[in-house]
């Protein structure tokens, strides 16, 4: 499995699912939501749970039916509505589809909102971790933590 192909597929799959408001399938687990995108030998799956202003989940990329990469995440949006979060976050992710939630720093601003995504270290597809946040009028209204990496040698 080529790491460049993995990276390219992941960066293509994310805008085709949550950020693009697409890819919803019947969830495998009760109470969860599930998004998927498939292309040739690749499958991206995002399974997550939402409740009480919090969400957590797991993104996994499969190559020829074998899990090759995964990332867990946790987000808190208690100071926003879910609709407000989706509107702001989806746009920030689409505008930064090549760098958000990876190993690169992102800063984005639109109207009263400022989105930042900052890695914990200089990583790569092999291993990455970081946090993102949204400020509204300079007050933090959303925080998100992520960590993940390649599962095979």
C-alpha atoms as a PDB file:
ATOM      1  CA  UNK A   1       0.000   0.000   0.000  1.00  0.00           C
ATOM      2  CA  UNK A   2       1.402   3.352  -1.072  1.00  0.00           C
ATOM      3  CA  UNK A   3       1.384   6.104   1.617  1.00  0.00           C
ATOM      4  CA  UNK A   4       0.870   8.794  -1.008  1.00  0.00           C
ATOM      5  CA  UNK A   5      -2.224   7.025  -2.332  1.00  0.00           C
ATOM      6  CA  UNK A   6      -3.507   6.664   1.246  1.00  0.00           C
ATOM      7  CA  UNK A   7      -3.015  10.376   1.910  1.00  0.00           C
ATOM      8  CA  UNK A   8      -4.655  11.372  -1.370  1.00  0.00           C
ATOM      9  CA  UNK A   9      -7.612   9.070  -0.751  1.00  0.00           C
ATOM     10  CA  UNK A  10      -8.147  10.346   2.808  1.00  0.00           C
ATOM     11  CA  UNK A  11      -8.019  13.974   1.686  1.00  0.00           C
ATOM     12  CA  UNK A  12     -10.536  13.165  -1.062  1.00  0.00           C
ATOM     13  CA  UNK A  13     -12.900  11.107   1.139  1.00  0.00           C
ATOM     14  CA  UNK A  14     -13.361  13.646   3.939  1.00  0.00           C
ATOM     15  CA  UNK A  15     -14.900  16.371   1.720  1.00  0.00           C
ATOM     16  CA  UNK A  16     -17.153  13.699   0.170  1.00  0.00           C
ATOM     17  CA  UNK A  17     -18.580  12.732   3.594  1.00  0.00           C
ATOM     18  CA  UNK A  18     -19.054  14.999   6.663  1.00  0.00           C
ATOM     19  CA  UNK A  19     -17.667  18.212   5.185  1.00  0.00           C
ATOM     20  CA  UNK A  20     -19.735  17.742   2.027  1.00  0.00           C
ATOM     21  CA  UNK A  21     -22.817  16.546   3.948  1.00  0.00           C
ATOM     22  CA  UNK A  22     -22.806  13.230   2.027  1.00  0.00           C
ATOM     23  CA  UNK A  23     -22.079   9.545   2.420  1.00  0.00           C
ATOM     24  CA  UNK A  24     -24.635   8.624   5.089  1.00  0.00           C
ATOM     25  CA  UNK A  25     -25.241   4.856   5.297  1.00  0.00           C
ATOM     26  CA  UNK A  26     -27.106   2.588   7.692  1.00  0.00           C
ATOM     27  CA  UNK A  27     -24.964   2.506  10.852  1.00  0.00           C
ATOM     28  CA  UNK A  28     -23.435  -0.755  12.029  1.00  0.00           C
ATOM     29  CA  UNK A  29     -23.878   0.217  15.707  1.00  0.00           C
ATOM     30  CA  UNK A  30     -27.109   1.297  17.424  1.00  0.00           C
ATOM     31  CA  UNK A  31     -27.204   5.010  18.219  1.00  0.00           C
ATOM     32  CA  UNK A  32     -24.332   5.917  15.904  1.00  0.00           C
ATOM     33  CA  UNK A  33     -24.110   7.757  12.605  1.00  0.00           C
ATOM     34  CA  UNK A  34     -21.995   6.345   9.806  1.00  0.00           C
ATOM     35  CA  UNK A  35     -20.551   7.946   6.686  1.00  0.00           C
ATOM     36  CA  UNK A  36     -18.727   6.128   3.895  1.00  0.00           C
ATOM     37  CA  UNK A  37     -16.909   6.822   0.661  1.00  0.00           C
ATOM     38  CA  UNK A  38     -15.536   4.096  -1.636  1.00  0.00           C
ATOM     39  CA  UNK A  39     -13.223   4.300  -4.617  1.00  0.00           C
ATOM     40  CA  UNK A  40     -11.651   1.252  -6.274  1.00  0.00           C
ATOM     41  CA  UNK A  41      -9.773  -0.730  -3.537  1.00  0.00           C
ATOM     42  CA  UNK A  42     -10.238   2.025  -0.929  1.00  0.00           C
ATOM     43  CA  UNK A  43     -13.017   2.535   1.622  1.00  0.00           C
ATOM     44  CA  UNK A  44     -13.323   5.405   4.122  1.00  0.00           C
ATOM     45  CA  UNK A  45     -15.662   4.921   7.088  1.00  0.00           C
ATOM     46  CA  UNK A  46     -16.530   7.458   9.786  1.00  0.00           C
ATOM     47  CA  UNK A  47     -18.581   6.154  12.738  1.00  0.00           C
ATOM     48  CA  UNK A  48     -19.572   8.655  15.418  1.00  0.00           C
ATOM     49  CA  UNK A  49     -21.932   9.328  18.304  1.00  0.00           C
ATOM     50  CA  UNK A  50     -23.493  12.699  19.183  1.00  0.00           C
ATOM     51  CA  UNK A  51     -25.275  13.751  22.346  1.00  0.00           C
ATOM     52  CA  UNK A  52     -25.428  16.567  24.901  1.00  0.00           C
ATOM     53  CA  UNK A  53     -23.214  18.887  22.850  1.00  0.00           C
ATOM     54  CA  UNK A  54     -20.456  16.289  22.541  1.00  0.00           C
ATOM     55  CA  UNK A  55     -19.474  13.921  19.755  1.00  0.00           C
ATOM     56  CA  UNK A  56     -16.829  11.244  19.419  1.00  0.00           C
ATOM     57  CA  UNK A  57     -15.911   8.833  16.734  1.00  0.00           C
ATOM     58  CA  UNK A  58     -13.488   6.902  14.626  1.00  0.00           C
ATOM     59  CA  UNK A  59     -12.406   7.370  11.022  1.00  0.00           C
ATOM     60  CA  UNK A  60     -10.923   4.298   9.345  1.00  0.00           C
ATOM     61  CA  UNK A  61      -9.476   3.782   5.876  1.00  0.00           C
ATOM     62  CA  UNK A  62      -9.481   0.281   4.416  1.00  0.00           C
ATOM     63  CA  UNK A  63      -7.380  -0.933   1.501  1.00  0.00           C
ATOM     64  CA  UNK A  64      -8.640  -4.172  -0.070  1.00  0.00           C
ATOM     65  CA  UNK A  65     -10.861  -4.777   2.986  1.00  0.00           C
ATOM     66  CA  UNK A  66      -8.028  -4.385   5.506  1.00  0.00           C
ATOM     67  CA  UNK A  67      -7.905  -1.460   7.955  1.00  0.00           C
ATOM     68  CA  UNK A  68      -4.721   0.479   7.132  1.00  0.00           C
ATOM     69  CA  UNK A  69      -5.244   3.850   8.865  1.00  0.00           C
ATOM     70  CA  UNK A  70      -7.442   5.120  11.673  1.00  0.00           C
ATOM     71  CA  UNK A  71      -8.044   8.278  13.708  1.00  0.00           C
ATOM     72  CA  UNK A  72     -10.141   8.737  16.849  1.00  0.00           C
ATOM     73  CA  UNK A  73     -11.660  12.068  17.802  1.00  0.00           C
ATOM     74  CA  UNK A  74     -13.662  13.924  20.445  1.00  0.00           C
ATOM     75  CA  UNK A  75     -15.457  17.252  20.071  1.00  0.00           C
ATOM     76  CA  UNK A  76     -17.331  19.609  22.401  1.00  0.00           C
ATOM     77  CA  UNK A  77     -19.777  22.118  20.906  1.00  0.00           C
ATOM     78  CA  UNK A  78     -21.889  22.894  24.008  1.00  0.00           C
ATOM     79  CA  UNK A  79     -21.661  26.645  23.338  1.00  0.00           C
ATOM     80  CA  UNK A  80     -23.129  26.297  19.813  1.00  0.00           C
ATOM     81  CA  UNK A  81     -26.110  24.635  18.206  1.00  0.00           C
ATOM     82  CA  UNK A  82     -25.411  21.589  16.068  1.00  0.00           C
ATOM     83  CA  UNK A  83     -26.665  23.495  13.019  1.00  0.00           C
ATOM     84  CA  UNK A  84     -24.300  26.407  13.751  1.00  0.00           C
ATOM     85  CA  UNK A  85     -21.377  24.019  14.215  1.00  0.00           C
ATOM     86  CA  UNK A  86     -22.144  22.136  10.986  1.00  0.00           C
ATOM     87  CA  UNK A  87     -22.401  25.373   9.011  1.00  0.00           C
ATOM     88  CA  UNK A  88     -19.098  26.821  10.245  1.00  0.00           C
ATOM     89  CA  UNK A  89     -17.071  23.622  10.544  1.00  0.00           C
ATOM     90  CA  UNK A  90     -18.074  22.172   7.182  1.00  0.00           C
ATOM     91  CA  UNK A  91     -17.034  25.375   5.422  1.00  0.00           C
ATOM     92  CA  UNK A  92     -13.717  25.561   7.293  1.00  0.00           C
ATOM     93  CA  UNK A  93     -12.949  21.927   6.434  1.00  0.00           C
ATOM     94  CA  UNK A  94     -13.911  22.339   2.772  1.00  0.00           C
ATOM     95  CA  UNK A  95     -11.842  25.516   2.440  1.00  0.00           C
ATOM     96  CA  UNK A  96      -8.851  23.694   4.004  1.00  0.00           C
ATOM     97  CA  UNK A  97      -9.392  20.179   2.674  1.00  0.00           C
ATOM     98  CA  UNK A  98      -5.679  19.571   2.070  1.00  0.00           C
ATOM     99  CA  UNK A  99      -4.564  20.438   5.594  1.00  0.00           C
ATOM    100  CA  UNK A 100      -7.301  20.420   8.258  1.00  0.00           C
ATOM    101  CA  UNK A 101      -7.136  17.569  10.764  1.00  0.00           C
ATOM    102  CA  UNK A 102      -3.739  16.452   9.563  1.00  0.00           C
ATOM    103  CA  UNK A 103      -0.221  17.378  10.589  1.00  0.00           C
ATOM    104  CA  UNK A 104      -0.403  20.963   9.282  1.00  0.00           C
ATOM    105  CA  UNK A 105      -1.475  24.145  11.035  1.00  0.00           C
ATOM    106  CA  UNK A 106      -4.611  25.838   9.667  1.00  0.00           C
ATOM    107  CA  UNK A 107      -6.086  29.270  10.373  1.00  0.00           C
ATOM    108  CA  UNK A 108      -9.381  30.313   8.775  1.00  0.00           C
ATOM    109  CA  UNK A 109     -11.774  33.181   9.389  1.00  0.00           C
ATOM    110  CA  UNK A 110     -15.249  34.019   8.144  1.00  0.00           C
ATOM    111  CA  UNK A 111     -17.489  36.684   9.672  1.00  0.00           C
ATOM    112  CA  UNK A 112     -17.587  36.345  13.468  1.00  0.00           C
ATOM    113  CA  UNK A 113     -15.921  32.912  13.376  1.00  0.00           C
ATOM    114  CA  UNK A 114     -12.287  31.896  13.508  1.00  0.00           C
ATOM    115  CA  UNK A 115     -11.230  28.267  13.027  1.00  0.00           C
ATOM    116  CA  UNK A 116      -7.782  26.941  13.900  1.00  0.00           C
ATOM    117  CA  UNK A 117      -6.357  23.455  13.675  1.00  0.00           C
ATOM    118  CA  UNK A 118      -2.993  22.884  15.259  1.00  0.00           C
ATOM    119  CA  UNK A 119      -1.026  19.620  15.333  1.00  0.00           C
ATOM    120  CA  UNK A 120       0.649  18.544  18.585  1.00  0.00           C
ATOM    121  CA  UNK A 121       3.857  17.728  16.708  1.00  0.00           C
ATOM    122  CA  UNK A 122       5.277  17.699  13.195  1.00  0.00           C
ATOM    123  CA  UNK A 123       3.692  14.463  12.037  1.00  0.00           C
ATOM    124  CA  UNK A 124       2.623  12.788   8.839  1.00  0.00           C
ATOM    125  CA  UNK A 125       0.073  10.195   7.708  1.00  0.00           C
ATOM    126  CA  UNK A 126       2.052   7.651   9.773  1.00  0.00           C
ATOM    127  CA  UNK A 127       1.281   9.365  13.091  1.00  0.00           C
ATOM    128  CA  UNK A 128      -0.592  12.548  13.892  1.00  0.00           C
ATOM    129  CA  UNK A 129      -2.424  14.283  16.714  1.00  0.00           C
ATOM    130  CA  UNK A 130      -3.768  17.734  17.372  1.00  0.00           C
ATOM    131  CA  UNK A 131      -6.656  19.975  18.263  1.00  0.00           C
ATOM    132  CA  UNK A 132      -8.967  22.338  16.500  1.00  0.00           C
ATOM    133  CA  UNK A 133     -11.145  25.084  17.879  1.00  0.00           C
ATOM    134  CA  UNK A 134     -13.689  27.621  16.766  1.00  0.00           C
ATOM    135  CA  UNK A 135     -13.946  31.083  18.252  1.00  0.00           C
ATOM    136  CA  UNK A 136     -17.034  33.259  17.869  1.00  0.00           C
ATOM    137  CA  UNK A 137     -16.313  36.933  18.537  1.00  0.00           C
ATOM    138  CA  UNK A 138     -13.020  35.828  20.176  1.00  0.00           C
ATOM    139  CA  UNK A 139     -14.763  33.415  22.604  1.00  0.00           C
ATOM    140  CA  UNK A 140     -14.069  29.689  22.269  1.00  0.00           C
ATOM    141  CA  UNK A 141     -17.292  27.879  21.394  1.00  0.00           C
ATOM    142  CA  UNK A 142     -15.925  24.565  20.083  1.00  0.00           C
ATOM    143  CA  UNK A 143     -12.951  22.273  20.749  1.00  0.00           C
ATOM    144  CA  UNK A 144     -11.931  19.049  18.998  1.00  0.00           C
ATOM    145  CA  UNK A 145      -9.079  16.582  19.672  1.00  0.00           C
ATOM    146  CA  UNK A 146      -7.790  13.965  17.258  1.00  0.00           C
ATOM    147  CA  UNK A 147      -5.076  11.294  17.089  1.00  0.00           C
ATOM    148  CA  UNK A 148      -4.339   8.587  14.583  1.00  0.00           C
ATOM    149  CA  UNK A 149      -1.988   6.911  12.200  1.00  0.00           C
ATOM    150  CA  UNK A 150      -1.099   4.027   9.904  1.00  0.00           C
ATOM    151  CA  UNK A 151      -1.966   0.555  11.221  1.00  0.00           C
ATOM    152  CA  UNK A 152       0.318  -1.546   9.011  1.00  0.00           C
ATOM    153  CA  UNK A 153       4.020  -1.613   8.242  1.00  0.00           C
END
